[in-house]
């Protein structure tokens, strides 16, 4: 079949590019390196902060290339140029929204945490906050007088994350969405992680910005994802590709679904068939 014209490939990490051992396989590495060497921008696009993404860029060994120098972090709140060591795009949540969400969460028995550059701050250390810190690869710290900490205009936070039991998280999500309306983006990145981002912010919006910045036609962008935090990039990219192991809703809205899962090199299999 005729190959798809692709100039930029954006890839979620967990349950998409990474296998269940949280590693990038040799085959996925080989195929993505071939893409970058052909001049196709390969952009890792994760809920992690930049420092949590860098080890995976190193694994692909593409950072030295022009086509491998960008990463999209914190679910689209930040874009980094690794060659210039410069953040070229940034969005943060207002203190008012953070406080409102935090108070609702505390009323429901949840602790909250916020992401700054290179660190996670939480209202109280729990098994859930430790789980997130371990997954994102950042240092965590319990902040004293958390509400005043959130309200301090000298601080700047990309997002709030509320971890907890999946069943209870679903109920909390409804309450926070109802309270915040269009003033924030609210979604579950994992069944046990509820995230609050700035309005009109997401992986898809960040990819649109980066494509425009690079002079790339949005129709030639491709995104791979599996979960609800990938929704905007699956919808906004020229080719939205859901993983075979992905959320049923994400598979429904995608242009394509991989034949293989994240544990079967689904990304490499799809790219080799339809792009290279």
C-alpha atoms as a PDB file:
ATOM      1  CA  UNK A   1       0.000   0.000   0.000  1.00  0.00           C
ATOM      2  CA  UNK A   2       0.998   3.644  -0.423  1.00  0.00           C
ATOM      3  CA  UNK A   3       2.850   4.968   2.609  1.00  0.00           C
ATOM      4  CA  UNK A   4       1.457   7.823   4.713  1.00  0.00           C
ATOM      5  CA  UNK A   5       3.193  11.182   4.458  1.00  0.00           C
ATOM      6  CA  UNK A   6       4.444  11.900   7.988  1.00  0.00           C
ATOM      7  CA  UNK A   7       6.798  14.648   9.149  1.00  0.00           C
ATOM      8  CA  UNK A   8       6.296  14.412  12.920  1.00  0.00           C
ATOM      9  CA  UNK A   9       5.512  11.426  15.154  1.00  0.00           C
ATOM     10  CA  UNK A  10       4.398  12.104  18.740  1.00  0.00           C
ATOM     11  CA  UNK A  11       4.462   9.185  21.159  1.00  0.00           C
ATOM     12  CA  UNK A  12       2.951   8.659  24.572  1.00  0.00           C
ATOM     13  CA  UNK A  13       5.160   6.589  26.860  1.00  0.00           C
ATOM     14  CA  UNK A  14       3.299   4.398  29.375  1.00  0.00           C
ATOM     15  CA  UNK A  15       1.310   1.574  27.752  1.00  0.00           C
ATOM     16  CA  UNK A  16       2.162   2.939  24.284  1.00  0.00           C
ATOM     17  CA  UNK A  17       5.866   3.113  23.488  1.00  0.00           C
ATOM     18  CA  UNK A  18       6.867   1.462  26.771  1.00  0.00           C
ATOM     19  CA  UNK A  19       6.136  -2.200  27.455  1.00  0.00           C
ATOM     20  CA  UNK A  20       4.757  -3.301  30.805  1.00  0.00           C
ATOM     21  CA  UNK A  21       8.311  -3.384  32.143  1.00  0.00           C
ATOM     22  CA  UNK A  22       8.445   0.389  31.423  1.00  0.00           C
ATOM     23  CA  UNK A  23      11.143  -0.056  28.813  1.00  0.00           C
ATOM     24  CA  UNK A  24      11.470   0.733  25.098  1.00  0.00           C
ATOM     25  CA  UNK A  25      12.101  -2.458  23.171  1.00  0.00           C
ATOM     26  CA  UNK A  26      14.981  -2.916  20.748  1.00  0.00           C
ATOM     27  CA  UNK A  27      12.596  -2.976  17.775  1.00  0.00           C
ATOM     28  CA  UNK A  28      10.767   0.188  18.756  1.00  0.00           C
ATOM     29  CA  UNK A  29      14.153   1.845  19.269  1.00  0.00           C
ATOM     30  CA  UNK A  30      15.420   0.768  15.863  1.00  0.00           C
ATOM     31  CA  UNK A  31      12.329   1.912  13.965  1.00  0.00           C
ATOM     32  CA  UNK A  32      12.097   5.300  15.671  1.00  0.00           C
ATOM     33  CA  UNK A  33      15.801   5.919  15.132  1.00  0.00           C
ATOM     34  CA  UNK A  34      15.290   5.210  11.440  1.00  0.00           C
ATOM     35  CA  UNK A  35      12.454   7.752  11.398  1.00  0.00           C
ATOM     36  CA  UNK A  36      14.604  10.431  13.022  1.00  0.00           C
ATOM     37  CA  UNK A  37      17.489   9.696  10.671  1.00  0.00           C
ATOM     38  CA  UNK A  38      15.120  10.278   7.744  1.00  0.00           C
ATOM     39  CA  UNK A  39      14.255  13.694   9.140  1.00  0.00           C
ATOM     40  CA  UNK A  40      10.895  12.765  10.679  1.00  0.00           C
ATOM     41  CA  UNK A  41      10.580  14.543  14.024  1.00  0.00           C
ATOM     42  CA  UNK A  42      10.209  11.975  16.824  1.00  0.00           C
ATOM     43  CA  UNK A  43       8.687  13.655  19.867  1.00  0.00           C
ATOM     44  CA  UNK A  44       8.120  11.866  23.162  1.00  0.00           C
ATOM     45  CA  UNK A  45       4.948  13.253  24.675  1.00  0.00           C
ATOM     46  CA  UNK A  46       4.271  12.349  28.305  1.00  0.00           C
ATOM     47  CA  UNK A  47       2.672  13.336  31.566  1.00  0.00           C
ATOM     48  CA  UNK A  48       6.171  13.171  33.027  1.00  0.00           C
ATOM     49  CA  UNK A  49       8.326  16.260  33.455  1.00  0.00           C
ATOM     50  CA  UNK A  50      11.339  16.768  31.186  1.00  0.00           C
ATOM     51  CA  UNK A  51      13.777  15.047  33.560  1.00  0.00           C
ATOM     52  CA  UNK A  52      11.505  11.999  33.618  1.00  0.00           C
ATOM     53  CA  UNK A  53      11.463  11.826  29.806  1.00  0.00           C
ATOM     54  CA  UNK A  54      15.184  12.297  29.138  1.00  0.00           C
ATOM     55  CA  UNK A  55      16.211   8.681  29.937  1.00  0.00           C
ATOM     56  CA  UNK A  56      13.858   7.451  27.210  1.00  0.00           C
ATOM     57  CA  UNK A  57      15.247   9.946  24.694  1.00  0.00           C
ATOM     58  CA  UNK A  58      18.706   8.637  25.594  1.00  0.00           C
ATOM     59  CA  UNK A  59      17.502   5.105  24.975  1.00  0.00           C
ATOM     60  CA  UNK A  60      16.388   6.076  21.459  1.00  0.00           C
ATOM     61  CA  UNK A  61      19.729   7.857  20.886  1.00  0.00           C
ATOM     62  CA  UNK A  62      18.104  10.601  18.810  1.00  0.00           C
ATOM     63  CA  UNK A  63      18.725  13.709  20.935  1.00  0.00           C
ATOM     64  CA  UNK A  64      21.762  14.756  18.890  1.00  0.00           C
ATOM     65  CA  UNK A  65      19.622  14.986  15.752  1.00  0.00           C
ATOM     66  CA  UNK A  66      17.555  18.031  14.824  1.00  0.00           C
ATOM     67  CA  UNK A  67      14.583  15.674  14.440  1.00  0.00           C
ATOM     68  CA  UNK A  68      15.010  14.268  17.951  1.00  0.00           C
ATOM     69  CA  UNK A  69      15.619  17.355  20.054  1.00  0.00           C
ATOM     70  CA  UNK A  70      12.095  18.189  21.252  1.00  0.00           C
ATOM     71  CA  UNK A  71      10.062  16.664  24.084  1.00  0.00           C
ATOM     72  CA  UNK A  72       6.543  17.509  25.198  1.00  0.00           C
ATOM     73  CA  UNK A  73       6.222  17.234  28.968  1.00  0.00           C
ATOM     74  CA  UNK A  74       3.511  17.323  31.651  1.00  0.00           C
ATOM     75  CA  UNK A  75       0.718  16.335  29.268  1.00  0.00           C
ATOM     76  CA  UNK A  76       1.306  19.278  26.966  1.00  0.00           C
ATOM     77  CA  UNK A  77       2.047  22.037  29.475  1.00  0.00           C
ATOM     78  CA  UNK A  78       5.681  22.311  28.418  1.00  0.00           C
ATOM     79  CA  UNK A  79       7.885  21.848  25.345  1.00  0.00           C
ATOM     80  CA  UNK A  80      11.673  21.611  25.643  1.00  0.00           C
ATOM     81  CA  UNK A  81      14.383  22.117  23.064  1.00  0.00           C
ATOM     82  CA  UNK A  82      17.128  19.832  24.370  1.00  0.00           C
ATOM     83  CA  UNK A  83      19.810  21.304  22.101  1.00  0.00           C
ATOM     84  CA  UNK A  84      19.376  24.803  23.490  1.00  0.00           C
ATOM     85  CA  UNK A  85      18.386  23.489  26.936  1.00  0.00           C
ATOM     86  CA  UNK A  86      15.453  25.829  26.680  1.00  0.00           C
ATOM     87  CA  UNK A  87      11.762  25.619  27.478  1.00  0.00           C
ATOM     88  CA  UNK A  88      10.066  27.082  24.401  1.00  0.00           C
ATOM     89  CA  UNK A  89       6.414  26.641  25.467  1.00  0.00           C
ATOM     90  CA  UNK A  90       4.823  26.775  28.899  1.00  0.00           C
ATOM     91  CA  UNK A  91       1.337  26.827  30.415  1.00  0.00           C
ATOM     92  CA  UNK A  92       0.489  26.895  34.121  1.00  0.00           C
ATOM     93  CA  UNK A  93      -2.637  26.585  36.280  1.00  0.00           C
ATOM     94  CA  UNK A  94      -3.829  29.697  38.116  1.00  0.00           C
ATOM     95  CA  UNK A  95      -3.569  29.699  41.936  1.00  0.00           C
ATOM     96  CA  UNK A  96      -7.342  30.194  42.190  1.00  0.00           C
ATOM     97  CA  UNK A  97      -8.067  26.988  40.277  1.00  0.00           C
ATOM     98  CA  UNK A  98      -5.476  25.038  42.260  1.00  0.00           C
ATOM     99  CA  UNK A  99      -6.979  26.164  45.561  1.00  0.00           C
ATOM    100  CA  UNK A 100     -10.519  25.403  44.461  1.00  0.00           C
ATOM    101  CA  UNK A 101      -9.607  21.898  43.286  1.00  0.00           C
ATOM    102  CA  UNK A 102      -7.513  21.239  46.392  1.00  0.00           C
ATOM    103  CA  UNK A 103     -10.354  22.195  48.743  1.00  0.00           C
ATOM    104  CA  UNK A 104     -12.824  19.937  46.930  1.00  0.00           C
ATOM    105  CA  UNK A 105     -10.311  17.069  47.017  1.00  0.00           C
ATOM    106  CA  UNK A 106      -9.626  17.509  50.735  1.00  0.00           C
ATOM    107  CA  UNK A 107     -13.357  17.539  51.486  1.00  0.00           C
ATOM    108  CA  UNK A 108     -13.537  14.158  49.773  1.00  0.00           C
ATOM    109  CA  UNK A 109     -10.549  12.764  51.681  1.00  0.00           C
ATOM    110  CA  UNK A 110      -7.843  13.136  49.013  1.00  0.00           C
ATOM    111  CA  UNK A 111      -4.379  14.665  49.148  1.00  0.00           C
ATOM    112  CA  UNK A 112      -3.168  16.712  46.175  1.00  0.00           C
ATOM    113  CA  UNK A 113       0.149  17.424  44.539  1.00  0.00           C
ATOM    114  CA  UNK A 114       1.459  19.995  42.074  1.00  0.00           C
ATOM    115  CA  UNK A 115       4.214  19.877  39.461  1.00  0.00           C
ATOM    116  CA  UNK A 116       6.818  22.606  39.193  1.00  0.00           C
ATOM    117  CA  UNK A 117       9.981  22.519  37.116  1.00  0.00           C
ATOM    118  CA  UNK A 118      11.859  19.440  38.261  1.00  0.00           C
ATOM    119  CA  UNK A 119       9.902  18.714  41.444  1.00  0.00           C
ATOM    120  CA  UNK A 120       6.574  17.497  42.806  1.00  0.00           C
ATOM    121  CA  UNK A 121       5.098  19.097  45.935  1.00  0.00           C
ATOM    122  CA  UNK A 122       2.295  17.443  47.892  1.00  0.00           C
ATOM    123  CA  UNK A 123       0.024  18.330  50.783  1.00  0.00           C
ATOM    124  CA  UNK A 124       0.901  15.102  52.612  1.00  0.00           C
ATOM    125  CA  UNK A 125       3.011  12.081  51.732  1.00  0.00           C
ATOM    126  CA  UNK A 126       0.922   8.963  51.124  1.00  0.00           C
ATOM    127  CA  UNK A 127       1.355   5.657  49.306  1.00  0.00           C
ATOM    128  CA  UNK A 128      -0.334   7.321  46.333  1.00  0.00           C
ATOM    129  CA  UNK A 129       1.929  10.378  46.185  1.00  0.00           C
ATOM    130  CA  UNK A 130       4.964   8.105  46.472  1.00  0.00           C
ATOM    131  CA  UNK A 131       3.595   5.988  43.623  1.00  0.00           C
ATOM    132  CA  UNK A 132       3.355   9.026  41.362  1.00  0.00           C
ATOM    133  CA  UNK A 133       6.816  10.316  42.272  1.00  0.00           C
ATOM    134  CA  UNK A 134       8.294   6.918  41.482  1.00  0.00           C
ATOM    135  CA  UNK A 135       6.522   6.747  38.121  1.00  0.00           C
ATOM    136  CA  UNK A 136       7.377  10.272  36.991  1.00  0.00           C
ATOM    137  CA  UNK A 137      11.017  10.071  38.035  1.00  0.00           C
ATOM    138  CA  UNK A 138      11.057  13.338  39.986  1.00  0.00           C
ATOM    139  CA  UNK A 139      11.849  14.229  43.572  1.00  0.00           C
ATOM    140  CA  UNK A 140       8.868  14.822  45.840  1.00  0.00           C
ATOM    141  CA  UNK A 141       8.519  17.083  48.832  1.00  0.00           C
ATOM    142  CA  UNK A 142       5.792  17.725  51.402  1.00  0.00           C
ATOM    143  CA  UNK A 143       5.053  21.461  51.400  1.00  0.00           C
ATOM    144  CA  UNK A 144       4.190  23.184  54.677  1.00  0.00           C
ATOM    145  CA  UNK A 145       0.969  25.219  54.818  1.00  0.00           C
ATOM    146  CA  UNK A 146      -0.046  23.805  51.462  1.00  0.00           C
ATOM    147  CA  UNK A 147      -2.930  26.181  50.733  1.00  0.00           C
ATOM    148  CA  UNK A 148      -0.758  29.267  51.193  1.00  0.00           C
ATOM    149  CA  UNK A 149       1.919  27.528  49.144  1.00  0.00           C
ATOM    150  CA  UNK A 150      -0.573  27.131  46.265  1.00  0.00           C
ATOM    151  CA  UNK A 151      -1.802  30.706  46.595  1.00  0.00           C
ATOM    152  CA  UNK A 152       1.664  32.278  46.561  1.00  0.00           C
ATOM    153  CA  UNK A 153       1.945  34.167  43.261  1.00  0.00           C
ATOM    154  CA  UNK A 154       5.708  33.639  43.280  1.00  0.00           C
ATOM    155  CA  UNK A 155       5.124  29.940  42.650  1.00  0.00           C
ATOM    156  CA  UNK A 156       4.235  28.523  39.252  1.00  0.00           C
ATOM    157  CA  UNK A 157       2.722  25.078  38.698  1.00  0.00           C
ATOM    158  CA  UNK A 158       2.059  23.223  35.463  1.00  0.00           C
ATOM    159  CA  UNK A 159      -0.622  20.926  36.832  1.00  0.00           C
ATOM    160  CA  UNK A 160      -2.290  19.419  39.876  1.00  0.00           C
ATOM    161  CA  UNK A 161      -2.486  15.667  40.273  1.00  0.00           C
ATOM    162  CA  UNK A 162      -4.837  13.926  42.694  1.00  0.00           C
ATOM    163  CA  UNK A 163      -4.014  10.251  43.241  1.00  0.00           C
ATOM    164  CA  UNK A 164      -6.276   7.668  44.855  1.00  0.00           C
ATOM    165  CA  UNK A 165      -8.529   4.632  44.541  1.00  0.00           C
ATOM    166  CA  UNK A 166      -9.910   4.459  40.969  1.00  0.00           C
ATOM    167  CA  UNK A 167     -13.557   4.099  42.009  1.00  0.00           C
ATOM    168  CA  UNK A 168     -13.371   7.170  44.237  1.00  0.00           C
ATOM    169  CA  UNK A 169     -11.356   9.108  41.656  1.00  0.00           C
ATOM    170  CA  UNK A 170     -14.219   8.769  39.171  1.00  0.00           C
ATOM    171  CA  UNK A 171     -16.636  10.421  41.600  1.00  0.00           C
ATOM    172  CA  UNK A 172     -14.152  13.163  42.436  1.00  0.00           C
ATOM    173  CA  UNK A 173     -13.605  13.848  38.737  1.00  0.00           C
ATOM    174  CA  UNK A 174     -17.330  14.562  38.273  1.00  0.00           C
ATOM    175  CA  UNK A 175     -17.370  17.005  41.194  1.00  0.00           C
ATOM    176  CA  UNK A 176     -14.273  18.888  40.121  1.00  0.00           C
ATOM    177  CA  UNK A 177     -15.387  19.071  36.492  1.00  0.00           C
ATOM    178  CA  UNK A 178     -18.746  20.469  37.571  1.00  0.00           C
ATOM    179  CA  UNK A 179     -17.058  23.053  39.797  1.00  0.00           C
ATOM    180  CA  UNK A 180     -14.367  24.204  37.361  1.00  0.00           C
ATOM    181  CA  UNK A 181     -16.239  23.995  34.062  1.00  0.00           C
ATOM    182  CA  UNK A 182     -14.183  25.500  31.225  1.00  0.00           C
ATOM    183  CA  UNK A 183     -11.622  27.032  33.589  1.00  0.00           C
ATOM    184  CA  UNK A 184      -9.427  23.904  33.518  1.00  0.00           C
ATOM    185  CA  UNK A 185      -8.884  20.630  31.691  1.00  0.00           C
ATOM    186  CA  UNK A 186      -9.757  17.695  33.972  1.00  0.00           C
ATOM    187  CA  UNK A 187      -9.116  14.036  33.095  1.00  0.00           C
ATOM    188  CA  UNK A 188      -7.727  10.739  34.381  1.00  0.00           C
ATOM    189  CA  UNK A 189      -4.295   9.880  32.968  1.00  0.00           C
ATOM    190  CA  UNK A 190      -4.428   6.584  34.842  1.00  0.00           C
ATOM    191  CA  UNK A 191      -7.466   5.162  36.631  1.00  0.00           C
ATOM    192  CA  UNK A 192      -5.805   6.242  39.902  1.00  0.00           C
ATOM    193  CA  UNK A 193      -4.491   9.673  38.747  1.00  0.00           C
ATOM    194  CA  UNK A 194      -6.818  12.655  38.277  1.00  0.00           C
ATOM    195  CA  UNK A 195      -5.118  15.597  36.579  1.00  0.00           C
ATOM    196  CA  UNK A 196      -5.990  19.295  36.360  1.00  0.00           C
ATOM    197  CA  UNK A 197      -4.355  21.320  33.587  1.00  0.00           C
ATOM    198  CA  UNK A 198      -4.719  24.900  32.343  1.00  0.00           C
ATOM    199  CA  UNK A 199      -7.680  25.573  30.004  1.00  0.00           C
ATOM    200  CA  UNK A 200      -7.197  24.719  26.315  1.00  0.00           C
ATOM    201  CA  UNK A 201      -4.141  22.673  27.207  1.00  0.00           C
ATOM    202  CA  UNK A 202      -3.166  19.134  26.286  1.00  0.00           C
ATOM    203  CA  UNK A 203      -0.800  17.026  24.254  1.00  0.00           C
ATOM    204  CA  UNK A 204      -2.717  17.816  21.064  1.00  0.00           C
ATOM    205  CA  UNK A 205      -2.522  21.562  21.572  1.00  0.00           C
ATOM    206  CA  UNK A 206       1.216  21.321  22.251  1.00  0.00           C
ATOM    207  CA  UNK A 207       1.771  19.281  19.090  1.00  0.00           C
ATOM    208  CA  UNK A 208      -0.200  21.828  17.058  1.00  0.00           C
ATOM    209  CA  UNK A 209       1.995  24.595  18.459  1.00  0.00           C
ATOM    210  CA  UNK A 210       5.215  22.688  17.779  1.00  0.00           C
ATOM    211  CA  UNK A 211       4.161  21.769  14.240  1.00  0.00           C
ATOM    212  CA  UNK A 212       3.408  25.427  13.508  1.00  0.00           C
ATOM    213  CA  UNK A 213       6.717  26.455  15.095  1.00  0.00           C
ATOM    214  CA  UNK A 214       8.564  24.003  12.827  1.00  0.00           C
ATOM    215  CA  UNK A 215       6.550  24.889   9.720  1.00  0.00           C
ATOM    216  CA  UNK A 216       5.055  21.397   9.503  1.00  0.00           C
ATOM    217  CA  UNK A 217       1.591  20.845   8.026  1.00  0.00           C
ATOM    218  CA  UNK A 218      -0.633  19.463  10.780  1.00  0.00           C
ATOM    219  CA  UNK A 219      -1.978  16.917   8.287  1.00  0.00           C
ATOM    220  CA  UNK A 220       1.457  15.255   8.306  1.00  0.00           C
ATOM    221  CA  UNK A 221       1.594  14.777  12.095  1.00  0.00           C
ATOM    222  CA  UNK A 222       0.977  11.372  13.691  1.00  0.00           C
ATOM    223  CA  UNK A 223       0.282  10.533  17.334  1.00  0.00           C
ATOM    224  CA  UNK A 224       0.336   7.218  19.198  1.00  0.00           C
ATOM    225  CA  UNK A 225      -1.570   6.899  22.476  1.00  0.00           C
ATOM    226  CA  UNK A 226      -3.676   4.649  24.649  1.00  0.00           C
ATOM    227  CA  UNK A 227      -5.364   6.646  27.393  1.00  0.00           C
ATOM    228  CA  UNK A 228      -7.574   9.656  28.104  1.00  0.00           C
ATOM    229  CA  UNK A 229      -4.637  12.042  28.441  1.00  0.00           C
ATOM    230  CA  UNK A 230      -3.878  11.183  24.806  1.00  0.00           C
ATOM    231  CA  UNK A 231      -7.356  12.182  23.587  1.00  0.00           C
ATOM    232  CA  UNK A 232      -6.447  15.638  22.287  1.00  0.00           C
ATOM    233  CA  UNK A 233      -3.447  14.469  20.281  1.00  0.00           C
ATOM    234  CA  UNK A 234      -5.349  11.519  18.817  1.00  0.00           C
ATOM    235  CA  UNK A 235      -8.037  13.963  17.685  1.00  0.00           C
ATOM    236  CA  UNK A 236      -5.862  16.891  16.596  1.00  0.00           C
ATOM    237  CA  UNK A 237      -3.026  15.171  14.737  1.00  0.00           C
ATOM    238  CA  UNK A 238      -3.341  14.333  11.070  1.00  0.00           C
ATOM    239  CA  UNK A 239      -3.132  10.630  11.903  1.00  0.00           C
ATOM    240  CA  UNK A 240      -4.319   9.528  15.337  1.00  0.00           C
ATOM    241  CA  UNK A 241      -3.198   5.987  16.181  1.00  0.00           C
ATOM    242  CA  UNK A 242      -4.569   4.136  19.209  1.00  0.00           C
ATOM    243  CA  UNK A 243      -2.843   1.132  20.684  1.00  0.00           C
ATOM    244  CA  UNK A 244      -4.525  -2.267  20.501  1.00  0.00           C
ATOM    245  CA  UNK A 245      -4.339  -2.335  24.311  1.00  0.00           C
ATOM    246  CA  UNK A 246      -5.792   1.166  24.586  1.00  0.00           C
ATOM    247  CA  UNK A 247      -8.899   2.617  26.194  1.00  0.00           C
ATOM    248  CA  UNK A 248     -12.005   1.653  24.131  1.00  0.00           C
ATOM    249  CA  UNK A 249     -12.975   5.314  23.718  1.00  0.00           C
ATOM    250  CA  UNK A 250      -9.509   6.232  22.427  1.00  0.00           C
ATOM    251  CA  UNK A 251      -9.677   3.389  19.927  1.00  0.00           C
ATOM    252  CA  UNK A 252     -13.101   4.599  18.802  1.00  0.00           C
ATOM    253  CA  UNK A 253     -11.978   8.167  18.024  1.00  0.00           C
ATOM    254  CA  UNK A 254      -8.639   7.203  16.432  1.00  0.00           C
ATOM    255  CA  UNK A 255      -7.997   7.070  12.685  1.00  0.00           C
ATOM    256  CA  UNK A 256      -6.103   3.800  13.132  1.00  0.00           C
ATOM    257  CA  UNK A 257      -5.648   1.094  15.766  1.00  0.00           C
ATOM    258  CA  UNK A 258      -2.407  -0.884  15.903  1.00  0.00           C
ATOM    259  CA  UNK A 259      -2.567  -4.601  15.242  1.00  0.00           C
ATOM    260  CA  UNK A 260      -0.237  -5.262  18.178  1.00  0.00           C
ATOM    261  CA  UNK A 261      -0.054  -4.120  21.798  1.00  0.00           C
ATOM    262  CA  UNK A 262       2.611  -2.153  23.643  1.00  0.00           C
ATOM    263  CA  UNK A 263       4.160  -5.477  24.685  1.00  0.00           C
ATOM    264  CA  UNK A 264       4.348  -6.617  21.041  1.00  0.00           C
ATOM    265  CA  UNK A 265       6.111  -3.577  19.546  1.00  0.00           C
ATOM    266  CA  UNK A 266       2.818  -2.170  18.294  1.00  0.00           C
ATOM    267  CA  UNK A 267       4.374   1.221  17.494  1.00  0.00           C
ATOM    268  CA  UNK A 268       7.229  -0.228  15.421  1.00  0.00           C
ATOM    269  CA  UNK A 269       4.898  -2.642  13.646  1.00  0.00           C
ATOM    270  CA  UNK A 270       2.548   0.164  12.580  1.00  0.00           C
ATOM    271  CA  UNK A 271       5.298   2.590  11.494  1.00  0.00           C
ATOM    272  CA  UNK A 272       7.079  -0.065   9.450  1.00  0.00           C
ATOM    273  CA  UNK A 273       3.854  -0.978   7.653  1.00  0.00           C
ATOM    274  CA  UNK A 274       2.441   2.491   7.021  1.00  0.00           C
ATOM    275  CA  UNK A 275       5.265   5.057   7.236  1.00  0.00           C
ATOM    276  CA  UNK A 276       8.735   3.670   6.396  1.00  0.00           C
END
